[in-house]
Amino acid sequence: MSRAERIRDALRALTLVHLDVIDESHMHSVPEGAESHFKLVVVSEAFRGQGRVQRQRAINGLLKDELAHGLHALSFTTFTPEEWSEAPSVAASPKCLGGSKADG
């Protein structure tokens, strides 16, 4: 099972309305197939009444095993269904400047 599939499975606990799991490892100086850098867009009723920190803790808690076993970088944006309907997009990720990519 791929890391993306494991992330999807772990986040199902949030009763998802929408989920994007984007493997951005190819944008970084890591071996091909590393599955180490991910960006998430998570929309759930579970976030209703929660602030940003509570939402971050929920995601990090659900993904603690992945973070402990090779998930090097994780960015995510969380929304309630209403927030998502008002602005259904997120900013593009910046280019990686670390490792050998900074030398180019």
PDB file of N, CA and C in Angstrom:
ATOM      1  N   MET A   1       0.853  -1.179   0.000  1.00  0.00           N
ATOM      2  CA  MET A   1       0.000   0.000   0.000  1.00  0.00           C
ATOM      3  C   MET A   1       0.895   1.239   0.000  1.00  0.00           C
ATOM      4  N   SER A   2       0.585   2.183  -0.852  1.00  0.00           N
ATOM      5  CA  SER A   2       1.384   3.408  -0.942  1.00  0.00           C
ATOM      6  C   SER A   2       1.136   4.302   0.274  1.00  0.00           C
ATOM      7  N   ARG A   3       2.063   5.228   0.495  1.00  0.00           N
ATOM      8  CA  ARG A   3       1.880   6.179   1.599  1.00  0.00           C
ATOM      9  C   ARG A   3       0.617   7.011   1.382  1.00  0.00           C
ATOM     10  N   ALA A   4       0.339   7.411   0.151  1.00  0.00           N
ATOM     11  CA  ALA A   4      -0.866   8.197  -0.127  1.00  0.00           C
ATOM     12  C   ALA A   4      -2.120   7.424   0.290  1.00  0.00           C
ATOM     13  N   GLU A   5      -2.138   6.134   0.014  1.00  0.00           N
ATOM     14  CA  GLU A   5      -3.289   5.312   0.417  1.00  0.00           C
ATOM     15  C   GLU A   5      -3.388   5.208   1.935  1.00  0.00           C
ATOM     16  N   ARG A   6      -2.255   5.076   2.589  1.00  0.00           N
ATOM     17  CA  ARG A   6      -2.266   5.008   4.057  1.00  0.00           C
ATOM     18  C   ARG A   6      -2.735   6.327   4.660  1.00  0.00           C
ATOM     19  N   ILE A   7      -2.332   7.438   4.064  1.00  0.00           N
ATOM     20  CA  ILE A   7      -2.795   8.751   4.529  1.00  0.00           C
ATOM     21  C   ILE A   7      -4.309   8.850   4.365  1.00  0.00           C
ATOM     22  N   ARG A   8      -4.807   8.460   3.200  1.00  0.00           N
ATOM     23  CA  ARG A   8      -6.265   8.477   2.974  1.00  0.00           C
ATOM     24  C   ARG A   8      -6.994   7.641   4.015  1.00  0.00           C
ATOM     25  N   ASP A   9      -6.494   6.448   4.267  1.00  0.00           N
ATOM     26  CA  ASP A   9      -7.127   5.561   5.247  1.00  0.00           C
ATOM     27  C   ASP A   9      -7.138   6.189   6.638  1.00  0.00           C
ATOM     28  N   ALA A  10      -6.017   6.768   7.044  1.00  0.00           N
ATOM     29  CA  ALA A  10      -5.930   7.364   8.377  1.00  0.00           C
ATOM     30  C   ALA A  10      -6.887   8.545   8.537  1.00  0.00           C
ATOM     31  N   LEU A  11      -7.043   9.338   7.482  1.00  0.00           N
ATOM     32  CA  LEU A  11      -7.875  10.538   7.581  1.00  0.00           C
ATOM     33  C   LEU A  11      -9.369  10.251   7.453  1.00  0.00           C
ATOM     34  N   ARG A  12      -9.733   9.043   7.082  1.00  0.00           N
ATOM     35  CA  ARG A  12     -11.167   8.685   7.006  1.00  0.00           C
ATOM     36  C   ARG A  12     -11.866   8.860   8.345  1.00  0.00           C
ATOM     37  N   ALA A  13     -11.122   8.835   9.430  1.00  0.00           N
ATOM     38  CA  ALA A  13     -11.685   9.034  10.765  1.00  0.00           C
ATOM     39  C   ALA A  13     -12.349  10.400  10.902  1.00  0.00           C
ATOM     40  N   LEU A  14     -12.046  11.327   9.992  1.00  0.00           N
ATOM     41  CA  LEU A  14     -12.598  12.684  10.062  1.00  0.00           C
ATOM     42  C   LEU A  14     -13.935  12.835   9.341  1.00  0.00           C
ATOM     43  N   THR A  15     -14.484  11.774   8.794  1.00  0.00           N
ATOM     44  CA  THR A  15     -15.703  11.848   8.001  1.00  0.00           C
ATOM     45  C   THR A  15     -15.548  12.945   6.942  1.00  0.00           C
ATOM     46  N   LEU A  16     -14.778  12.625   5.959  1.00  0.00           N
ATOM     47  CA  LEU A  16     -14.356  13.593   4.947  1.00  0.00           C
ATOM     48  C   LEU A  16     -15.462  13.985   3.981  1.00  0.00           C
ATOM     49  N   VAL A  17     -15.465  15.254   3.620  1.00  0.00           N
ATOM     50  CA  VAL A  17     -16.306  15.778   2.555  1.00  0.00           C
ATOM     51  C   VAL A  17     -15.469  15.860   1.272  1.00  0.00           C
ATOM     52  N   HIS A  18     -14.190  16.193   1.433  1.00  0.00           N
ATOM     53  CA  HIS A  18     -13.260  16.297   0.301  1.00  0.00           C
ATOM     54  C   HIS A  18     -11.851  16.070   0.828  1.00  0.00           C
ATOM     55  N   LEU A  19     -11.036  15.364   0.032  1.00  0.00           N
ATOM     56  CA  LEU A  19      -9.641  15.145   0.406  1.00  0.00           C
ATOM     57  C   LEU A  19      -8.789  15.075  -0.847  1.00  0.00           C
ATOM     58  N   ASP A  20      -7.742  15.888  -0.877  1.00  0.00           N
ATOM     59  CA  ASP A  20      -6.702  15.787  -1.892  1.00  0.00           C
ATOM     60  C   ASP A  20      -5.433  15.361  -1.175  1.00  0.00           C
ATOM     61  N   VAL A  21      -4.806  14.305  -1.670  1.00  0.00           N
ATOM     62  CA  VAL A  21      -3.519  13.849  -1.153  1.00  0.00           C
ATOM     63  C   VAL A  21      -2.551  13.959  -2.318  1.00  0.00           C
ATOM     64  N   ILE A  22      -1.642  14.921  -2.226  1.00  0.00           N
ATOM     65  CA  ILE A  22      -0.749  15.234  -3.341  1.00  0.00           C
ATOM     66  C   ILE A  22       0.687  14.908  -2.939  1.00  0.00           C
ATOM     67  N   ASP A  23       1.281  13.957  -3.657  1.00  0.00           N
ATOM     68  CA  ASP A  23       2.670  13.588  -3.407  1.00  0.00           C
ATOM     69  C   ASP A  23       3.556  14.585  -4.142  1.00  0.00           C
ATOM     70  N   GLU A  24       4.244  15.428  -3.391  1.00  0.00           N
ATOM     71  CA  GLU A  24       5.119  16.445  -3.971  1.00  0.00           C
ATOM     72  C   GLU A  24       6.593  16.062  -3.862  1.00  0.00           C
ATOM     73  N   SER A  25       6.861  14.804  -3.605  1.00  0.00           N
ATOM     74  CA  SER A  25       8.241  14.345  -3.439  1.00  0.00           C
ATOM     75  C   SER A  25       9.091  14.644  -4.663  1.00  0.00           C
ATOM     76  N   HIS A  26       8.493  14.550  -5.848  1.00  0.00           N
ATOM     77  CA  HIS A  26       9.234  14.795  -7.091  1.00  0.00           C
ATOM     78  C   HIS A  26       9.777  16.221  -7.178  1.00  0.00           C
ATOM     79  N   MET A  27       9.250  17.131  -6.365  1.00  0.00           N
ATOM     80  CA  MET A  27       9.679  18.524  -6.367  1.00  0.00           C
ATOM     81  C   MET A  27      10.899  18.753  -5.475  1.00  0.00           C
ATOM     82  N   HIS A  28      11.381  17.697  -4.835  1.00  0.00           N
ATOM     83  CA  HIS A  28      12.444  17.823  -3.842  1.00  0.00           C
ATOM     84  C   HIS A  28      13.616  16.914  -4.190  1.00  0.00           C
ATOM     85  N   SER A  29      14.707  17.129  -3.508  1.00  0.00           N
ATOM     86  CA  SER A  29      15.926  16.353  -3.746  1.00  0.00           C
ATOM     87  C   SER A  29      15.884  15.050  -2.947  1.00  0.00           C
ATOM     88  N   VAL A  30      15.034  14.145  -3.401  1.00  0.00           N
ATOM     89  CA  VAL A  30      14.890  12.838  -2.766  1.00  0.00           C
ATOM     90  C   VAL A  30      14.911  11.773  -3.856  1.00  0.00           C
ATOM     91  N   PRO A  31      15.206  10.543  -3.500  1.00  0.00           N
ATOM     92  CA  PRO A  31      15.201   9.485  -4.511  1.00  0.00           C
ATOM     93  C   PRO A  31      13.809   9.309  -5.127  1.00  0.00           C
ATOM     94  N   GLU A  32      13.772   8.897  -6.378  1.00  0.00           N
ATOM     95  CA  GLU A  32      12.502   8.638  -7.048  1.00  0.00           C
ATOM     96  C   GLU A  32      11.699   7.613  -6.249  1.00  0.00           C
ATOM     97  N   GLY A  33      10.416   7.873  -6.083  1.00  0.00           N
ATOM     98  CA  GLY A  33       9.544   6.973  -5.334  1.00  0.00           C
ATOM     99  C   GLY A  33       9.638   7.119  -3.826  1.00  0.00           C
ATOM    100  N   ALA A  34      10.255   8.174  -3.346  1.00  0.00           N
ATOM    101  CA  ALA A  34      10.486   8.340  -1.908  1.00  0.00           C
ATOM    102  C   ALA A  34       9.195   8.499  -1.099  1.00  0.00           C
ATOM    103  N   GLU A  35       8.156   9.070  -1.679  1.00  0.00           N
ATOM    104  CA  GLU A  35       6.899   9.320  -0.957  1.00  0.00           C
ATOM    105  C   GLU A  35       7.163   9.978   0.397  1.00  0.00           C
ATOM    106  N   SER A  36       7.913  11.073   0.374  1.00  0.00           N
ATOM    107  CA  SER A  36       8.340  11.712   1.614  1.00  0.00           C
ATOM    108  C   SER A  36       7.769  13.109   1.838  1.00  0.00           C
ATOM    109  N   HIS A  37       7.208  13.731   0.804  1.00  0.00           N
ATOM    110  CA  HIS A  37       6.694  15.098   0.889  1.00  0.00           C
ATOM    111  C   HIS A  37       5.251  15.115   0.370  1.00  0.00           C
ATOM    112  N   PHE A  38       4.310  15.491   1.229  1.00  0.00           N
ATOM    113  CA  PHE A  38       2.903  15.492   0.833  1.00  0.00           C
ATOM    114  C   PHE A  38       2.214  16.806   1.187  1.00  0.00           C
ATOM    115  N   LYS A  39       1.262  17.139   0.362  1.00  0.00           N
ATOM    116  CA  LYS A  39       0.384  18.285   0.586  1.00  0.00           C
ATOM    117  C   LYS A  39      -1.038  17.742   0.642  1.00  0.00           C
ATOM    118  N   LEU A  40      -1.817  18.197   1.623  1.00  0.00           N
ATOM    119  CA  LEU A  40      -3.185  17.737   1.799  1.00  0.00           C
ATOM    120  C   LEU A  40      -4.155  18.908   1.772  1.00  0.00           C
ATOM    121  N   VAL A  41      -5.315  18.659   1.214  1.00  0.00           N
ATOM    122  CA  VAL A  41      -6.453  19.562   1.335  1.00  0.00           C
ATOM    123  C   VAL A  41      -7.545  18.716   1.984  1.00  0.00           C
ATOM    124  N   VAL A  42      -7.962  19.098   3.197  1.00  0.00           N
ATOM    125  CA  VAL A  42      -8.879  18.281   3.980  1.00  0.00           C
ATOM    126  C   VAL A  42     -10.127  19.096   4.313  1.00  0.00           C
ATOM    127  N   VAL A  43     -11.282  18.585   3.897  1.00  0.00           N
ATOM    128  CA  VAL A  43     -12.558  19.241   4.187  1.00  0.00           C
ATOM    129  C   VAL A  43     -13.391  18.262   5.005  1.00  0.00           C
ATOM    130  N   SER A  44     -13.809  18.704   6.193  1.00  0.00           N
ATOM    131  CA  SER A  44     -14.554  17.817   7.083  1.00  0.00           C
ATOM    132  C   SER A  44     -15.464  18.600   8.019  1.00  0.00           C
ATOM    133  N   GLU A  45     -16.596  17.993   8.323  1.00  0.00           N
ATOM    134  CA  GLU A  45     -17.500  18.541   9.346  1.00  0.00           C
ATOM    135  C   GLU A  45     -16.815  18.542  10.710  1.00  0.00           C
ATOM    136  N   ALA A  46     -15.863  17.641  10.898  1.00  0.00           N
ATOM    137  CA  ALA A  46     -15.169  17.529  12.185  1.00  0.00           C
ATOM    138  C   ALA A  46     -14.450  18.814  12.574  1.00  0.00           C
ATOM    139  N   PHE A  47     -14.165  19.682  11.608  1.00  0.00           N
ATOM    140  CA  PHE A  47     -13.448  20.924  11.885  1.00  0.00           C
ATOM    141  C   PHE A  47     -14.366  22.049  12.350  1.00  0.00           C
ATOM    142  N   ARG A  48     -15.657  21.823  12.305  1.00  0.00           N
ATOM    143  CA  ARG A  48     -16.607  22.861  12.723  1.00  0.00           C
ATOM    144  C   ARG A  48     -16.335  23.249  14.178  1.00  0.00           C
ATOM    145  N   GLY A  49     -16.175  24.530  14.425  1.00  0.00           N
ATOM    146  CA  GLY A  49     -15.944  25.032  15.773  1.00  0.00           C
ATOM    147  C   GLY A  49     -14.504  24.901  16.259  1.00  0.00           C
ATOM    148  N   GLN A  50     -13.621  24.379  15.397  1.00  0.00           N
ATOM    149  CA  GLN A  50     -12.217  24.219  15.779  1.00  0.00           C
ATOM    150  C   GLN A  50     -11.374  25.320  15.155  1.00  0.00           C
ATOM    151  N   GLY A  51     -10.389  25.752  15.896  1.00  0.00           N
ATOM    152  CA  GLY A  51      -9.415  26.704  15.372  1.00  0.00           C
ATOM    153  C   GLY A  51      -8.340  25.973  14.584  1.00  0.00           C
ATOM    154  N   ARG A  52      -7.450  26.753  14.012  1.00  0.00           N
ATOM    155  CA  ARG A  52      -6.383  26.195  13.176  1.00  0.00           C
ATOM    156  C   ARG A  52      -5.499  25.210  13.940  1.00  0.00           C
ATOM    157  N   VAL A  53      -5.128  25.532  15.168  1.00  0.00           N
ATOM    158  CA  VAL A  53      -4.245  24.664  15.946  1.00  0.00           C
ATOM    159  C   VAL A  53      -4.926  23.334  16.267  1.00  0.00           C
ATOM    160  N   GLN A  54      -6.196  23.364  16.629  1.00  0.00           N
ATOM    161  CA  GLN A  54      -6.930  22.122  16.903  1.00  0.00           C
ATOM    162  C   GLN A  54      -6.984  21.240  15.658  1.00  0.00           C
ATOM    163  N   ARG A  55      -7.201  21.840  14.517  1.00  0.00           N
ATOM    164  CA  ARG A  55      -7.253  21.088  13.266  1.00  0.00           C
ATOM    165  C   ARG A  55      -5.894  20.475  12.956  1.00  0.00           C
ATOM    166  N   GLN A  56      -4.830  21.249  13.157  1.00  0.00           N
ATOM    167  CA  GLN A  56      -3.471  20.743  12.914  1.00  0.00           C
ATOM    168  C   GLN A  56      -3.164  19.566  13.832  1.00  0.00           C
ATOM    169  N   ARG A  57      -3.537  19.690  15.081  1.00  0.00           N
ATOM    170  CA  ARG A  57      -3.305  18.593  16.029  1.00  0.00           C
ATOM    171  C   ARG A  57      -4.065  17.341  15.619  1.00  0.00           C
ATOM    172  N   ALA A  58      -5.280  17.505  15.131  1.00  0.00           N
ATOM    173  CA  ALA A  58      -6.072  16.352  14.695  1.00  0.00           C
ATOM    174  C   ALA A  58      -5.389  15.626  13.535  1.00  0.00           C
ATOM    175  N   ILE A  59      -4.952  16.381  12.528  1.00  0.00           N
ATOM    176  CA  ILE A  59      -4.280  15.783  11.368  1.00  0.00           C
ATOM    177  C   ILE A  59      -2.968  15.129  11.795  1.00  0.00           C
ATOM    178  N   ASN A  60      -2.147  15.856  12.542  1.00  0.00           N
ATOM    179  CA  ASN A  60      -0.869  15.306  12.985  1.00  0.00           C
ATOM    180  C   ASN A  60      -1.055  14.061  13.849  1.00  0.00           C
ATOM    181  N   GLY A  61      -2.086  14.043  14.662  1.00  0.00           N
ATOM    182  CA  GLY A  61      -2.362  12.867  15.491  1.00  0.00           C
ATOM    183  C   GLY A  61      -2.729  11.654  14.655  1.00  0.00           C
ATOM    184  N   LEU A  62      -3.554  11.858  13.654  1.00  0.00           N
ATOM    185  CA  LEU A  62      -3.963  10.750  12.784  1.00  0.00           C
ATOM    186  C   LEU A  62      -2.807  10.234  11.934  1.00  0.00           C
ATOM    187  N   LEU A  63      -1.842  11.093  11.655  1.00  0.00           N
ATOM    188  CA  LEU A  63      -0.722  10.706  10.793  1.00  0.00           C
ATOM    189  C   LEU A  63       0.587  10.500  11.560  1.00  0.00           C
ATOM    190  N   LYS A  64       0.509  10.347  12.872  1.00  0.00           N
ATOM    191  CA  LYS A  64       1.723  10.237  13.692  1.00  0.00           C
ATOM    192  C   LYS A  64       2.598   9.060  13.275  1.00  0.00           C
ATOM    193  N   ASP A  65       2.016   7.938  12.888  1.00  0.00           N
ATOM    194  CA  ASP A  65       2.831   6.791  12.466  1.00  0.00           C
ATOM    195  C   ASP A  65       3.578   7.097  11.174  1.00  0.00           C
ATOM    196  N   GLU A  66       2.909   7.757  10.238  1.00  0.00           N
ATOM    197  CA  GLU A  66       3.571   8.127   8.983  1.00  0.00           C
ATOM    198  C   GLU A  66       4.694   9.125   9.246  1.00  0.00           C
ATOM    199  N   LEU A  67       4.443  10.081  10.118  1.00  0.00           N
ATOM    200  CA  LEU A  67       5.461  11.080  10.446  1.00  0.00           C
ATOM    201  C   LEU A  67       6.660  10.441  11.143  1.00  0.00           C
ATOM    202  N   ALA A  68       6.423   9.377  11.877  1.00  0.00           N
ATOM    203  CA  ALA A  68       7.507   8.682  12.568  1.00  0.00           C
ATOM    204  C   ALA A  68       8.271   7.728  11.652  1.00  0.00           C
ATOM    205  N   HIS A  69       7.702   7.444  10.468  1.00  0.00           N
ATOM    206  CA  HIS A  69       8.305   6.435   9.594  1.00  0.00           C
ATOM    207  C   HIS A  69       8.489   6.929   8.162  1.00  0.00           C
ATOM    208  N   GLY A  70       9.180   8.040   7.987  1.00  0.00           N
ATOM    209  CA  GLY A  70       9.591   8.454   6.661  1.00  0.00           C
ATOM    210  C   GLY A  70       8.840   9.587   6.007  1.00  0.00           C
ATOM    211  N   LEU A  71       7.712   9.999   6.565  1.00  0.00           N
ATOM    212  CA  LEU A  71       7.022  11.166   6.014  1.00  0.00           C
ATOM    213  C   LEU A  71       7.794  12.385   6.508  1.00  0.00           C
ATOM    214  N   HIS A  72       8.575  12.963   5.620  1.00  0.00           N
ATOM    215  CA  HIS A  72       9.521  14.020   5.993  1.00  0.00           C
ATOM    216  C   HIS A  72       8.865  15.393   6.055  1.00  0.00           C
ATOM    217  N   ALA A  73       7.966  15.667   5.119  1.00  0.00           N
ATOM    218  CA  ALA A  73       7.356  16.996   5.044  1.00  0.00           C
ATOM    219  C   ALA A  73       5.868  16.846   4.762  1.00  0.00           C
ATOM    220  N   LEU A  74       5.076  17.571   5.526  1.00  0.00           N
ATOM    221  CA  LEU A  74       3.627  17.519   5.386  1.00  0.00           C
ATOM    222  C   LEU A  74       3.080  18.929   5.487  1.00  0.00           C
ATOM    223  N   SER A  75       2.391  19.357   4.447  1.00  0.00           N
ATOM    224  CA  SER A  75       1.671  20.633   4.518  1.00  0.00           C
ATOM    225  C   SER A  75       0.207  20.320   4.278  1.00  0.00           C
ATOM    226  N   PHE A  76      -0.645  21.053   4.932  1.00  0.00           N
ATOM    227  CA  PHE A  76      -2.071  20.810   4.720  1.00  0.00           C
ATOM    228  C   PHE A  76      -2.873  22.061   5.013  1.00  0.00           C
ATOM    229  N   THR A  77      -4.009  22.104   4.363  1.00  0.00           N
ATOM    230  CA  THR A  77      -4.984  23.160   4.582  1.00  0.00           C
ATOM    231  C   THR A  77      -6.286  22.478   4.948  1.00  0.00           C
ATOM    232  N   THR A  78      -6.941  22.983   5.980  1.00  0.00           N
ATOM    233  CA  THR A  78      -8.179  22.367   6.457  1.00  0.00           C
ATOM    234  C   THR A  78      -9.343  23.339   6.306  1.00  0.00           C
ATOM    235  N   PHE A  79     -10.502  22.768   6.027  1.00  0.00           N
ATOM    236  CA  PHE A  79     -11.712  23.557   5.819  1.00  0.00           C
ATOM    237  C   PHE A  79     -12.924  22.834   6.394  1.00  0.00           C
ATOM    238  N   THR A  80     -13.904  23.600   6.840  1.00  0.00           N
ATOM    239  CA  THR A  80     -15.244  23.045   7.029  1.00  0.00           C
ATOM    240  C   THR A  80     -15.888  23.048   5.632  1.00  0.00           C
ATOM    241  N   PRO A  81     -16.986  22.334   5.441  1.00  0.00           N
ATOM    242  CA  PRO A  81     -17.631  22.374   4.121  1.00  0.00           C
ATOM    243  C   PRO A  81     -18.018  23.793   3.689  1.00  0.00           C
ATOM    244  N   GLU A  82     -18.440  24.622   4.620  1.00  0.00           N
ATOM    245  CA  GLU A  82     -18.818  25.997   4.284  1.00  0.00           C
ATOM    246  C   GLU A  82     -17.608  26.814   3.855  1.00  0.00           C
ATOM    247  N   GLU A  83     -16.512  26.677   4.572  1.00  0.00           N
ATOM    248  CA  GLU A  83     -15.284  27.394   4.201  1.00  0.00           C
ATOM    249  C   GLU A  83     -14.816  26.977   2.810  1.00  0.00           C
ATOM    250  N   TRP A  84     -14.901  25.688   2.531  1.00  0.00           N
ATOM    251  CA  TRP A  84     -14.465  25.161   1.232  1.00  0.00           C
ATOM    252  C   TRP A  84     -15.379  25.673   0.118  1.00  0.00           C
ATOM    253  N   SER A  85     -16.668  25.757   0.366  1.00  0.00           N
ATOM    254  CA  SER A  85     -17.590  26.227  -0.675  1.00  0.00           C
ATOM    255  C   SER A  85     -17.359  27.708  -1.000  1.00  0.00           C
ATOM    256  N   GLU A  86     -16.863  28.474  -0.027  1.00  0.00           N
ATOM    257  CA  GLU A  86     -16.574  29.889  -0.252  1.00  0.00           C
ATOM    258  C   GLU A  86     -15.284  30.106  -1.032  1.00  0.00           C
ATOM    259  N   ALA A  87     -14.307  29.218  -0.858  1.00  0.00           N
ATOM    260  CA  ALA A  87     -13.003  29.371  -1.522  1.00  0.00           C
ATOM    261  C   ALA A  87     -12.407  27.988  -1.774  1.00  0.00           C
ATOM    262  N   PRO A  88     -12.882  27.282  -2.805  1.00  0.00           N
ATOM    263  CA  PRO A  88     -12.463  25.892  -3.040  1.00  0.00           C
ATOM    264  C   PRO A  88     -11.122  25.744  -3.765  1.00  0.00           C
ATOM    265  N   SER A  89     -10.084  26.352  -3.212  1.00  0.00           N
ATOM    266  CA  SER A  89      -8.756  26.206  -3.808  1.00  0.00           C
ATOM    267  C   SER A  89      -7.692  26.530  -2.763  1.00  0.00           C
ATOM    268  N   VAL A  90      -6.478  26.114  -3.051  1.00  0.00           N
ATOM    269  CA  VAL A  90      -5.336  26.431  -2.193  1.00  0.00           C
ATOM    270  C   VAL A  90      -4.198  26.915  -3.069  1.00  0.00           C
ATOM    271  N   ALA A  91      -3.266  27.613  -2.470  1.00  0.00           N
ATOM    272  CA  ALA A  91      -2.120  28.139  -3.213  1.00  0.00           C
ATOM    273  C   ALA A  91      -1.201  27.009  -3.665  1.00  0.00           C
ATOM    274  N   ALA A  92      -0.549  27.229  -4.773  1.00  0.00           N
ATOM    275  CA  ALA A  92       0.445  26.270  -5.264  1.00  0.00           C
ATOM    276  C   ALA A  92       1.629  26.243  -4.309  1.00  0.00           C
ATOM    277  N   SER A  93       2.264  25.095  -4.215  1.00  0.00           N
ATOM    278  CA  SER A  93       3.439  24.955  -3.356  1.00  0.00           C
ATOM    279  C   SER A  93       4.627  25.661  -3.987  1.00  0.00           C
ATOM    280  N   PRO A  94       5.484  26.252  -3.149  1.00  0.00           N
ATOM    281  CA  PRO A  94       6.684  26.903  -3.689  1.00  0.00           C
ATOM    282  C   PRO A  94       7.691  25.866  -4.176  1.00  0.00           C
ATOM    283  N   LYS A  95       8.595  26.300  -5.030  1.00  0.00           N
ATOM    284  CA  LYS A  95       9.656  25.414  -5.501  1.00  0.00           C
ATOM    285  C   LYS A  95      10.621  25.137  -4.355  1.00  0.00           C
ATOM    286  N   CYS A  96      11.126  23.924  -4.326  1.00  0.00           N
ATOM    287  CA  CYS A  96      12.101  23.522  -3.301  1.00  0.00           C
ATOM    288  C   CYS A  96      13.442  24.182  -3.600  1.00  0.00           C
ATOM    289  N   LEU A  97      14.079  24.725  -2.588  1.00  0.00           N
ATOM    290  CA  LEU A  97      15.400  25.331  -2.736  1.00  0.00           C
ATOM    291  C   LEU A  97      16.447  24.576  -1.921  1.00  0.00           C
ATOM    292  N   GLY A  98      16.065  23.446  -1.355  1.00  0.00           N
ATOM    293  CA  GLY A  98      16.999  22.676  -0.563  1.00  0.00           C
ATOM    294  C   GLY A  98      17.784  21.678  -1.393  1.00  0.00           C
ATOM    295  N   GLY A  99      18.816  21.123  -0.797  1.00  0.00           N
ATOM    296  CA  GLY A  99      19.601  20.081  -1.448  1.00  0.00           C
ATOM    297  C   GLY A  99      20.187  20.538  -2.773  1.00  0.00           C
ATOM    298  N   SER A 100      20.315  19.636  -3.710  1.00  0.00           N
ATOM    299  CA  SER A 100      20.969  19.925  -4.992  1.00  0.00           C
ATOM    300  C   SER A 100      20.154  20.865  -5.865  1.00  0.00           C
ATOM    301  N   LYS A 101      18.866  21.017  -5.629  1.00  0.00           N
ATOM    302  CA  LYS A 101      18.052  21.905  -6.448  1.00  0.00           C
ATOM    303  C   LYS A 101      18.435  23.365  -6.216  1.00  0.00           C
ATOM    304  N   ALA A 102      19.038  23.667  -5.077  1.00  0.00           N
ATOM    305  CA  ALA A 102      19.453  25.036  -4.786  1.00  0.00           C
ATOM    306  C   ALA A 102      20.717  25.390  -5.569  1.00  0.00           C
ATOM    307  N   ASP A 103      21.410  24.393  -6.072  1.00  0.00           N
ATOM    308  CA  ASP A 103      22.673  24.631  -6.781  1.00  0.00           C
ATOM    309  C   ASP A 103      22.473  24.989  -8.255  1.00  0.00           C
ATOM    310  N   GLY A 104      21.236  24.783  -8.767  1.00  0.00           N
ATOM    311  CA  GLY A 104      20.980  24.965 -10.193  1.00  0.00           C
ATOM    312  C   GLY A 104      20.831  26.367 -10.561  1.00  0.00           C
TER     313      GLY A 104
END
